[in-house]
Amino acid sequence: MGVTPERQQWAVDTMAIGPRDRVLEIGCGHGIAVSLICERLTTGQVTAIDRSASMVRLASQRNANHIAAGRAEFVAADLDAADLPSGGFDKVFAVNVSLFWLGTGPGQIERVKSLLAHQGTLYVFHEPPKPSIAKTILDKAEATLKGHGFTTARHRATGRRGLPLTCVTGRVG
């Protein structure tokens, strides 16, 4: 289905998906990361949400075999409205989703926190269009997570085109 964007591959590699992981993607787009994750799952599952019904439709088509196997599910809803289990996810991630550095609606970060299982990790990935804004995005994302009680760490790589690939991880406790 075409070339996998480097940021998606790096994100999945960085999360070190295990065969039994329960994963939530916020803003799944075309479902590329879901495809990569499902290749690593045995009894685990990935749930992907996107507020765009057309993106969910395209992602579902791309991942029809993973849906049929019970490894993937797609939900057309925004984070606030999605019917998701509290403590149901070992890993929650988002790639290029601005709510983590541009500000959020009331309670969205707390909502994400409530979805994480004990010892779960939130991953906020970004591939900035210009290297000059990478540090600003990292600083803002990290401040947002710290402001909601997460212990954070930063991860950074340089992509093939010379652009930075960044991630802030957050754990509670």
N, C-alpha and C. Protein backbone atom coordinates (compact mmCIF):
# COMPACT_ATOMS: atom_id res chain seq x y z
N MET A 1 0.82 -1.20 0.00
CA MET A 1 0.00 0.00 0.00
C MET A 1 0.86 1.26 0.00
N GLY A 2 1.96 1.25 -0.71
CA GLY A 2 2.80 2.43 -0.81
C GLY A 2 3.91 2.42 0.23
N VAL A 3 4.62 3.52 0.26
CA VAL A 3 5.75 3.69 1.17
C VAL A 3 5.25 4.11 2.54
N THR A 4 5.78 3.48 3.56
CA THR A 4 5.42 3.84 4.93
C THR A 4 6.16 5.11 5.33
N PRO A 5 5.44 6.14 5.75
CA PRO A 5 6.13 7.36 6.22
C PRO A 5 7.08 7.03 7.37
N GLU A 6 8.24 7.61 7.30
CA GLU A 6 9.28 7.35 8.30
C GLU A 6 8.80 7.63 9.72
N ARG A 7 8.01 8.69 9.91
CA ARG A 7 7.54 9.03 11.25
C ARG A 7 6.67 7.92 11.83
N GLN A 8 5.90 7.26 10.99
CA GLN A 8 5.03 6.17 11.46
C GLN A 8 5.87 4.96 11.88
N GLN A 9 6.85 4.60 11.06
CA GLN A 9 7.72 3.47 11.39
C GLN A 9 8.51 3.76 12.66
N TRP A 10 9.04 4.97 12.77
CA TRP A 10 9.81 5.35 13.96
C TRP A 10 8.93 5.31 15.20
N ALA A 11 7.71 5.78 15.08
CA ALA A 11 6.79 5.77 16.22
C ALA A 11 6.55 4.34 16.70
N VAL A 12 6.23 3.45 15.79
CA VAL A 12 5.95 2.06 16.18
C VAL A 12 7.20 1.41 16.75
N ASP A 13 8.35 1.65 16.15
CA ASP A 13 9.61 1.10 16.69
C ASP A 13 9.90 1.65 18.08
N THR A 14 9.70 2.95 18.28
CA THR A 14 9.97 3.59 19.58
C THR A 14 9.09 3.01 20.68
N MET A 15 7.85 2.69 20.35
CA MET A 15 6.94 2.14 21.37
C MET A 15 7.24 0.69 21.73
N ALA A 16 8.06 0.02 20.94
CA ALA A 16 8.42 -1.38 21.21
C ALA A 16 7.16 -2.20 21.53
N ILE A 17 6.25 -2.25 20.58
CA ILE A 17 4.98 -2.96 20.74
C ILE A 17 5.24 -4.43 21.05
N GLY A 18 4.61 -4.91 22.11
CA GLY A 18 4.70 -6.32 22.47
C GLY A 18 3.49 -7.08 21.94
N PRO A 19 3.59 -8.40 21.86
CA PRO A 19 2.52 -9.21 21.25
C PRO A 19 1.18 -9.14 21.98
N ARG A 20 1.18 -8.77 23.28
CA ARG A 20 -0.08 -8.72 24.04
C ARG A 20 -0.50 -7.30 24.39
N ASP A 21 0.19 -6.31 23.85
CA ASP A 21 -0.12 -4.91 24.19
C ASP A 21 -1.53 -4.52 23.76
N ARG A 22 -2.11 -3.66 24.57
CA ARG A 22 -3.39 -3.02 24.25
C ARG A 22 -3.06 -1.57 23.95
N VAL A 23 -3.29 -1.16 22.71
CA VAL A 23 -2.80 0.12 22.21
C VAL A 23 -3.97 0.98 21.74
N LEU A 24 -3.88 2.29 22.00
CA LEU A 24 -4.84 3.26 21.50
C LEU A 24 -4.11 4.29 20.68
N GLU A 25 -4.58 4.52 19.44
CA GLU A 25 -4.05 5.61 18.63
C GLU A 25 -5.09 6.72 18.57
N ILE A 26 -4.65 7.92 18.87
CA ILE A 26 -5.51 9.10 18.79
C ILE A 26 -5.18 9.81 17.48
N GLY A 27 -6.15 9.86 16.57
CA GLY A 27 -5.93 10.48 15.27
C GLY A 27 -5.26 9.53 14.29
N CYS A 28 -5.98 8.50 13.89
CA CYS A 28 -5.38 7.41 13.11
C CYS A 28 -5.17 7.70 11.64
N GLY A 29 -5.80 8.74 11.10
CA GLY A 29 -5.61 9.04 9.69
C GLY A 29 -5.91 7.84 8.81
N HIS A 30 -4.99 7.49 7.93
CA HIS A 30 -5.16 6.38 6.99
C HIS A 30 -4.92 5.01 7.60
N GLY A 31 -4.54 4.94 8.87
CA GLY A 31 -4.36 3.63 9.52
C GLY A 31 -3.02 2.98 9.27
N ILE A 32 -2.04 3.75 8.87
CA ILE A 32 -0.72 3.19 8.57
C ILE A 32 -0.06 2.62 9.82
N ALA A 33 -0.07 3.38 10.91
CA ALA A 33 0.56 2.88 12.15
C ALA A 33 -0.16 1.63 12.66
N VAL A 34 -1.48 1.59 12.52
CA VAL A 34 -2.24 0.41 12.95
C VAL A 34 -1.76 -0.83 12.20
N SER A 35 -1.53 -0.70 10.90
CA SER A 35 -1.02 -1.83 10.11
C SER A 35 0.30 -2.33 10.67
N LEU A 36 1.19 -1.40 10.97
CA LEU A 36 2.51 -1.77 11.50
C LEU A 36 2.40 -2.42 12.88
N ILE A 37 1.52 -1.89 13.71
CA ILE A 37 1.33 -2.44 15.05
C ILE A 37 0.76 -3.85 14.98
N CYS A 38 -0.24 -4.05 14.15
CA CYS A 38 -0.90 -5.36 14.06
C CYS A 38 0.07 -6.46 13.65
N GLU A 39 1.08 -6.12 12.89
CA GLU A 39 2.09 -7.10 12.50
C GLU A 39 2.85 -7.64 13.70
N ARG A 40 2.83 -6.91 14.81
CA ARG A 40 3.57 -7.28 16.02
C ARG A 40 2.69 -7.92 17.09
N LEU A 41 1.38 -7.89 16.90
CA LEU A 41 0.45 -8.39 17.91
C LEU A 41 0.11 -9.86 17.70
N THR A 42 -0.12 -10.55 18.82
CA THR A 42 -0.69 -11.90 18.77
C THR A 42 -2.05 -11.85 19.45
N THR A 43 -2.04 -11.70 20.77
CA THR A 43 -3.31 -11.59 21.51
C THR A 43 -3.66 -10.15 21.85
N GLY A 44 -2.78 -9.21 21.54
CA GLY A 44 -3.04 -7.81 21.81
C GLY A 44 -4.01 -7.22 20.80
N GLN A 45 -4.36 -5.95 21.02
CA GLN A 45 -5.29 -5.28 20.13
C GLN A 45 -4.96 -3.79 20.07
N VAL A 46 -5.24 -3.19 18.93
CA VAL A 46 -5.11 -1.75 18.78
C VAL A 46 -6.48 -1.17 18.45
N THR A 47 -6.82 -0.11 19.17
CA THR A 47 -8.02 0.66 18.90
C THR A 47 -7.55 2.00 18.37
N ALA A 48 -8.15 2.45 17.28
CA ALA A 48 -7.76 3.72 16.68
C ALA A 48 -8.98 4.60 16.55
N ILE A 49 -8.82 5.85 16.99
CA ILE A 49 -9.93 6.80 16.86
C ILE A 49 -9.50 7.96 15.96
N ASP A 50 -10.48 8.51 15.29
CA ASP A 50 -10.27 9.71 14.50
C ASP A 50 -11.62 10.41 14.42
N ARG A 51 -11.61 11.71 14.49
CA ARG A 51 -12.89 12.42 14.43
C ARG A 51 -13.44 12.51 13.02
N SER A 52 -12.63 12.12 12.03
CA SER A 52 -13.08 12.13 10.64
C SER A 52 -13.60 10.75 10.24
N ALA A 53 -14.89 10.66 9.94
CA ALA A 53 -15.47 9.39 9.52
C ALA A 53 -14.84 8.89 8.22
N SER A 54 -14.46 9.80 7.33
CA SER A 54 -13.84 9.36 6.07
C SER A 54 -12.46 8.76 6.32
N MET A 55 -11.71 9.29 7.27
CA MET A 55 -10.40 8.71 7.60
C MET A 55 -10.58 7.33 8.23
N VAL A 56 -11.56 7.18 9.10
CA VAL A 56 -11.83 5.89 9.72
C VAL A 56 -12.24 4.87 8.65
N ARG A 57 -13.02 5.29 7.70
CA ARG A 57 -13.42 4.40 6.61
C ARG A 57 -12.20 3.92 5.81
N LEU A 58 -11.32 4.86 5.45
CA LEU A 58 -10.11 4.50 4.70
C LEU A 58 -9.19 3.60 5.53
N ALA A 59 -9.02 3.93 6.80
CA ALA A 59 -8.16 3.12 7.68
C ALA A 59 -8.73 1.72 7.85
N SER A 60 -10.05 1.63 7.96
CA SER A 60 -10.70 0.32 8.10
C SER A 60 -10.51 -0.53 6.84
N GLN A 61 -10.60 0.10 5.68
CA GLN A 61 -10.37 -0.63 4.43
C GLN A 61 -8.94 -1.14 4.36
N ARG A 62 -7.98 -0.30 4.72
CA ARG A 62 -6.57 -0.68 4.71
C ARG A 62 -6.31 -1.86 5.65
N ASN A 63 -7.03 -1.90 6.75
CA ASN A 63 -6.76 -2.88 7.80
C ASN A 63 -7.87 -3.93 7.94
N ALA A 64 -8.60 -4.19 6.87
CA ALA A 64 -9.73 -5.12 6.94
C ALA A 64 -9.32 -6.49 7.47
N ASN A 65 -8.16 -6.99 7.07
CA ASN A 65 -7.71 -8.30 7.55
C ASN A 65 -7.41 -8.28 9.05
N HIS A 66 -6.88 -7.16 9.56
CA HIS A 66 -6.60 -7.06 10.99
C HIS A 66 -7.89 -6.92 11.81
N ILE A 67 -8.87 -6.24 11.24
CA ILE A 67 -10.18 -6.14 11.91
C ILE A 67 -10.81 -7.53 11.98
N ALA A 68 -10.78 -8.26 10.87
CA ALA A 68 -11.36 -9.61 10.82
C ALA A 68 -10.68 -10.56 11.80
N ALA A 69 -9.37 -10.34 12.03
CA ALA A 69 -8.61 -11.20 12.95
C ALA A 69 -8.79 -10.76 14.41
N GLY A 70 -9.48 -9.65 14.65
CA GLY A 70 -9.71 -9.19 16.01
C GLY A 70 -8.56 -8.40 16.60
N ARG A 71 -7.59 -8.01 15.78
CA ARG A 71 -6.44 -7.26 16.28
C ARG A 71 -6.63 -5.74 16.20
N ALA A 72 -7.59 -5.28 15.39
CA ALA A 72 -7.77 -3.83 15.21
C ALA A 72 -9.24 -3.46 15.24
N GLU A 73 -9.49 -2.28 15.76
CA GLU A 73 -10.84 -1.70 15.69
C GLU A 73 -10.69 -0.20 15.49
N PHE A 74 -11.62 0.38 14.75
CA PHE A 74 -11.59 1.80 14.43
C PHE A 74 -12.89 2.44 14.91
N VAL A 75 -12.76 3.65 15.46
CA VAL A 75 -13.90 4.37 16.00
C VAL A 75 -13.87 5.79 15.45
N ALA A 76 -14.98 6.20 14.83
CA ALA A 76 -15.11 7.57 14.35
C ALA A 76 -15.69 8.41 15.48
N ALA A 77 -14.82 9.10 16.19
CA ALA A 77 -15.25 9.93 17.33
C ALA A 77 -14.07 10.78 17.76
N ASP A 78 -14.37 11.89 18.40
CA ASP A 78 -13.26 12.63 19.00
C ASP A 78 -12.98 12.03 20.37
N LEU A 79 -11.89 12.43 20.94
CA LEU A 79 -11.42 11.84 22.19
C LEU A 79 -12.47 11.93 23.30
N ASP A 80 -13.15 13.04 23.40
CA ASP A 80 -14.13 13.23 24.46
C ASP A 80 -15.33 12.30 24.33
N ALA A 81 -15.75 12.02 23.09
CA ALA A 81 -16.97 11.26 22.85
C ALA A 81 -16.74 9.76 22.69
N ALA A 82 -15.51 9.35 22.48
CA ALA A 82 -15.23 7.93 22.22
C ALA A 82 -15.53 7.07 23.44
N ASP A 83 -16.19 5.95 23.20
CA ASP A 83 -16.52 4.99 24.26
C ASP A 83 -15.33 4.04 24.43
N LEU A 84 -14.44 4.39 25.37
CA LEU A 84 -13.20 3.64 25.57
C LEU A 84 -13.09 3.22 27.03
N PRO A 85 -12.49 2.05 27.28
CA PRO A 85 -12.42 1.55 28.66
C PRO A 85 -11.38 2.26 29.52
N SER A 86 -11.77 2.65 30.72
CA SER A 86 -10.83 3.22 31.68
C SER A 86 -9.76 2.20 31.99
N GLY A 87 -8.51 2.65 31.98
CA GLY A 87 -7.40 1.75 32.28
C GLY A 87 -7.21 0.65 31.26
N GLY A 88 -7.77 0.81 30.08
CA GLY A 88 -7.78 -0.26 29.10
C GLY A 88 -6.59 -0.36 28.17
N PHE A 89 -5.61 0.56 28.29
CA PHE A 89 -4.55 0.60 27.29
C PHE A 89 -3.17 0.67 27.94
N ASP A 90 -2.28 -0.19 27.46
CA ASP A 90 -0.88 -0.18 27.92
C ASP A 90 -0.12 0.98 27.29
N LYS A 91 -0.48 1.30 26.06
CA LYS A 91 0.18 2.37 25.32
C LYS A 91 -0.88 3.19 24.59
N VAL A 92 -0.78 4.50 24.76
CA VAL A 92 -1.63 5.44 24.03
C VAL A 92 -0.68 6.34 23.26
N PHE A 93 -0.97 6.57 21.98
CA PHE A 93 -0.07 7.42 21.20
C PHE A 93 -0.82 8.29 20.20
N ALA A 94 -0.11 9.34 19.79
CA ALA A 94 -0.61 10.25 18.77
C ALA A 94 0.58 10.73 17.95
N VAL A 95 0.40 10.80 16.64
CA VAL A 95 1.44 11.29 15.73
C VAL A 95 0.92 12.57 15.08
N ASN A 96 1.64 13.64 15.30
CA ASN A 96 1.29 14.95 14.72
C ASN A 96 -0.12 15.39 15.10
N VAL A 97 -0.49 15.18 16.35
CA VAL A 97 -1.79 15.63 16.87
C VAL A 97 -1.51 16.80 17.81
N SER A 98 -1.94 17.98 17.40
CA SER A 98 -1.54 19.22 18.06
C SER A 98 -2.14 19.45 19.44
N LEU A 99 -3.12 18.69 19.85
CA LEU A 99 -3.74 18.97 21.15
C LEU A 99 -2.74 18.91 22.29
N PHE A 100 -1.62 18.22 22.11
CA PHE A 100 -0.64 18.09 23.18
C PHE A 100 0.31 19.27 23.30
N TRP A 101 0.38 20.13 22.27
CA TRP A 101 1.25 21.30 22.39
C TRP A 101 0.55 22.62 22.08
N LEU A 102 -0.63 22.59 21.49
CA LEU A 102 -1.35 23.84 21.22
C LEU A 102 -2.43 24.12 22.26
N GLY A 103 -2.62 23.21 23.15
CA GLY A 103 -3.67 23.37 24.14
C GLY A 103 -4.81 22.40 23.87
N THR A 104 -5.55 22.11 24.89
CA THR A 104 -6.60 21.11 24.78
C THR A 104 -7.90 21.64 25.31
N GLY A 105 -8.96 20.94 24.96
CA GLY A 105 -10.24 21.23 25.56
C GLY A 105 -10.19 20.79 27.03
N PRO A 106 -11.09 21.27 27.81
CA PRO A 106 -11.10 20.91 29.22
C PRO A 106 -11.12 19.40 29.43
N GLY A 107 -10.17 18.91 30.16
CA GLY A 107 -10.19 17.51 30.56
C GLY A 107 -9.62 16.50 29.59
N GLN A 108 -9.13 16.92 28.42
CA GLN A 108 -8.67 15.92 27.44
C GLN A 108 -7.44 15.16 27.91
N ILE A 109 -6.48 15.84 28.51
CA ILE A 109 -5.29 15.13 28.98
C ILE A 109 -5.66 14.22 30.15
N GLU A 110 -6.55 14.67 31.00
CA GLU A 110 -7.02 13.81 32.10
C GLU A 110 -7.75 12.59 31.55
N ARG A 111 -8.48 12.79 30.48
CA ARG A 111 -9.16 11.67 29.80
C ARG A 111 -8.14 10.65 29.31
N VAL A 112 -7.08 11.13 28.65
CA VAL A 112 -6.03 10.23 28.18
C VAL A 112 -5.42 9.49 29.37
N LYS A 113 -5.14 10.21 30.43
CA LYS A 113 -4.55 9.60 31.62
C LYS A 113 -5.44 8.48 32.16
N SER A 114 -6.76 8.70 32.14
CA SER A 114 -7.69 7.70 32.67
C SER A 114 -7.75 6.44 31.81
N LEU A 115 -7.34 6.55 30.56
CA LEU A 115 -7.38 5.41 29.64
C LEU A 115 -6.16 4.50 29.79
N LEU A 116 -5.10 5.02 30.41
CA LEU A 116 -3.88 4.24 30.57
C LEU A 116 -4.01 3.21 31.69
N ALA A 117 -3.51 2.02 31.41
CA ALA A 117 -3.43 0.97 32.43
C ALA A 117 -2.33 1.36 33.43
N HIS A 118 -2.32 0.69 34.57
CA HIS A 118 -1.24 0.88 35.54
C HIS A 118 0.09 0.62 34.84
N GLN A 119 1.03 1.52 35.00
CA GLN A 119 2.34 1.45 34.34
C GLN A 119 2.26 1.69 32.82
N GLY A 120 1.13 2.21 32.33
CA GLY A 120 0.99 2.51 30.91
C GLY A 120 1.77 3.76 30.53
N THR A 121 1.97 3.93 29.23
CA THR A 121 2.76 5.05 28.72
C THR A 121 2.02 5.77 27.61
N LEU A 122 2.07 7.09 27.67
CA LEU A 122 1.56 7.97 26.62
C LEU A 122 2.74 8.40 25.76
N TYR A 123 2.59 8.32 24.44
CA TYR A 123 3.63 8.72 23.48
C TYR A 123 3.07 9.82 22.60
N VAL A 124 3.73 10.98 22.59
CA VAL A 124 3.32 12.11 21.76
C VAL A 124 4.42 12.33 20.72
N PHE A 125 4.16 11.90 19.49
CA PHE A 125 5.13 11.98 18.40
C PHE A 125 4.85 13.19 17.52
N HIS A 126 5.94 13.74 16.97
CA HIS A 126 5.78 14.86 16.04
C HIS A 126 6.94 14.88 15.06
N GLU A 127 6.61 15.19 13.82
CA GLU A 127 7.61 15.45 12.80
C GLU A 127 7.37 16.88 12.33
N PRO A 128 8.11 17.83 12.90
CA PRO A 128 7.88 19.23 12.53
C PRO A 128 8.28 19.50 11.08
N PRO A 129 7.56 20.38 10.41
CA PRO A 129 7.89 20.69 9.02
C PRO A 129 9.21 21.45 8.89
N LYS A 130 9.63 22.10 9.99
CA LYS A 130 10.89 22.84 10.00
C LYS A 130 11.67 22.44 11.26
N PRO A 131 12.96 22.12 11.13
CA PRO A 131 13.75 21.75 12.31
C PRO A 131 13.74 22.82 13.40
N SER A 132 13.59 24.09 13.02
CA SER A 132 13.67 25.18 14.00
C SER A 132 12.55 25.15 15.03
N ILE A 133 11.44 24.47 14.76
CA ILE A 133 10.35 24.47 15.74
C ILE A 133 10.30 23.19 16.59
N ALA A 134 11.21 22.26 16.33
CA ALA A 134 11.19 20.98 17.06
C ALA A 134 11.30 21.17 18.56
N LYS A 135 12.24 21.99 19.01
CA LYS A 135 12.43 22.18 20.45
C LYS A 135 11.21 22.85 21.09
N THR A 136 10.63 23.82 20.41
CA THR A 136 9.44 24.49 20.93
C THR A 136 8.29 23.51 21.12
N ILE A 137 8.08 22.65 20.13
CA ILE A 137 7.01 21.65 20.22
C ILE A 137 7.29 20.68 21.37
N LEU A 138 8.54 20.20 21.46
CA LEU A 138 8.91 19.30 22.56
C LEU A 138 8.67 19.96 23.91
N ASP A 139 9.12 21.21 24.05
CA ASP A 139 8.96 21.93 25.32
C ASP A 139 7.49 22.06 25.70
N LYS A 140 6.65 22.43 24.73
CA LYS A 140 5.23 22.62 25.02
C LYS A 140 4.53 21.30 25.35
N ALA A 141 4.83 20.25 24.58
CA ALA A 141 4.23 18.94 24.86
C ALA A 141 4.66 18.43 26.23
N GLU A 142 5.94 18.57 26.52
CA GLU A 142 6.43 18.11 27.82
C GLU A 142 5.80 18.89 28.97
N ALA A 143 5.68 20.21 28.82
CA ALA A 143 5.06 21.03 29.85
C ALA A 143 3.60 20.63 30.07
N THR A 144 2.89 20.35 28.98
CA THR A 144 1.49 19.92 29.08
C THR A 144 1.39 18.63 29.89
N LEU A 145 2.23 17.66 29.56
CA LEU A 145 2.17 16.37 30.27
C LEU A 145 2.57 16.53 31.73
N LYS A 146 3.65 17.25 31.98
CA LYS A 146 4.09 17.47 33.37
C LYS A 146 3.00 18.19 34.17
N GLY A 147 2.32 19.13 33.53
CA GLY A 147 1.25 19.88 34.19
C GLY A 147 0.08 19.00 34.59
N HIS A 148 0.01 17.80 34.04
CA HIS A 148 -1.06 16.85 34.37
C HIS A 148 -0.52 15.64 35.14
N GLY A 149 0.65 15.80 35.74
CA GLY A 149 1.17 14.77 36.64
C GLY A 149 1.93 13.63 35.98
N PHE A 150 2.30 13.77 34.73
CA PHE A 150 3.10 12.73 34.07
C PHE A 150 4.59 12.94 34.36
N THR A 151 5.32 11.86 34.50
CA THR A 151 6.77 11.87 34.47
C THR A 151 7.15 11.71 33.01
N THR A 152 8.01 12.59 32.50
CA THR A 152 8.26 12.62 31.06
C THR A 152 9.69 12.25 30.69
N ALA A 153 9.85 11.89 29.44
CA ALA A 153 11.16 11.68 28.83
C ALA A 153 11.06 12.13 27.38
N ARG A 154 12.18 12.53 26.83
CA ARG A 154 12.23 13.00 25.44
C ARG A 154 12.99 11.99 24.59
N HIS A 155 12.55 11.85 23.35
CA HIS A 155 13.21 10.99 22.38
C HIS A 155 13.32 11.79 21.08
N ARG A 156 14.44 11.65 20.43
CA ARG A 156 14.64 12.42 19.20
C ARG A 156 15.49 11.62 18.24
N ALA A 157 15.16 11.72 16.97
CA ALA A 157 15.95 11.10 15.90
C ALA A 157 15.96 12.06 14.72
N THR A 158 16.82 11.80 13.78
CA THR A 158 16.84 12.59 12.56
C THR A 158 16.43 11.69 11.41
N GLY A 159 15.43 12.13 10.68
CA GLY A 159 14.92 11.35 9.56
C GLY A 159 15.83 11.43 8.33
N ARG A 160 15.51 10.63 7.35
CA ARG A 160 16.31 10.58 6.12
C ARG A 160 16.39 11.94 5.41
N ARG A 161 15.35 12.74 5.50
CA ARG A 161 15.35 14.05 4.84
C ARG A 161 15.97 15.13 5.71
N GLY A 162 16.54 14.72 6.84
CA GLY A 162 17.18 15.68 7.74
C GLY A 162 16.25 16.34 8.72
N LEU A 163 14.97 15.99 8.67
CA LEU A 163 14.01 16.58 9.62
C LEU A 163 14.02 15.81 10.93
N PRO A 164 13.82 16.51 12.04
CA PRO A 164 13.79 15.81 13.32
C PRO A 164 12.49 15.02 13.49
N LEU A 165 12.61 13.90 14.16
CA LEU A 165 11.46 13.10 14.60
C LEU A 165 11.51 13.18 16.12
N THR A 166 10.42 13.62 16.74
CA THR A 166 10.45 13.84 18.18
C THR A 166 9.33 13.08 18.88
N CYS A 167 9.57 12.82 20.16
CA CYS A 167 8.57 12.16 20.98
C CYS A 167 8.77 12.56 22.43
N VAL A 168 7.67 12.84 23.10
CA VAL A 168 7.66 12.99 24.54
C VAL A 168 6.82 11.83 25.08
N THR A 169 7.38 11.10 26.02
CA THR A 169 6.62 10.03 26.66
C THR A 169 6.19 10.50 28.05
N GLY A 170 5.07 9.98 28.49
CA GLY A 170 4.57 10.32 29.80
C GLY A 170 4.07 9.09 30.53
N ARG A 171 4.46 8.99 31.79
CA ARG A 171 3.97 7.91 32.66
C ARG A 171 3.46 8.54 33.94
N VAL A 172 2.47 7.91 34.51
CA VAL A 172 1.90 8.40 35.76
C VAL A 172 2.45 7.55 36.90
N GLY A 173 2.84 8.22 37.96
CA GLY A 173 3.28 7.47 39.14
C GLY A 173 4.73 7.28 39.26
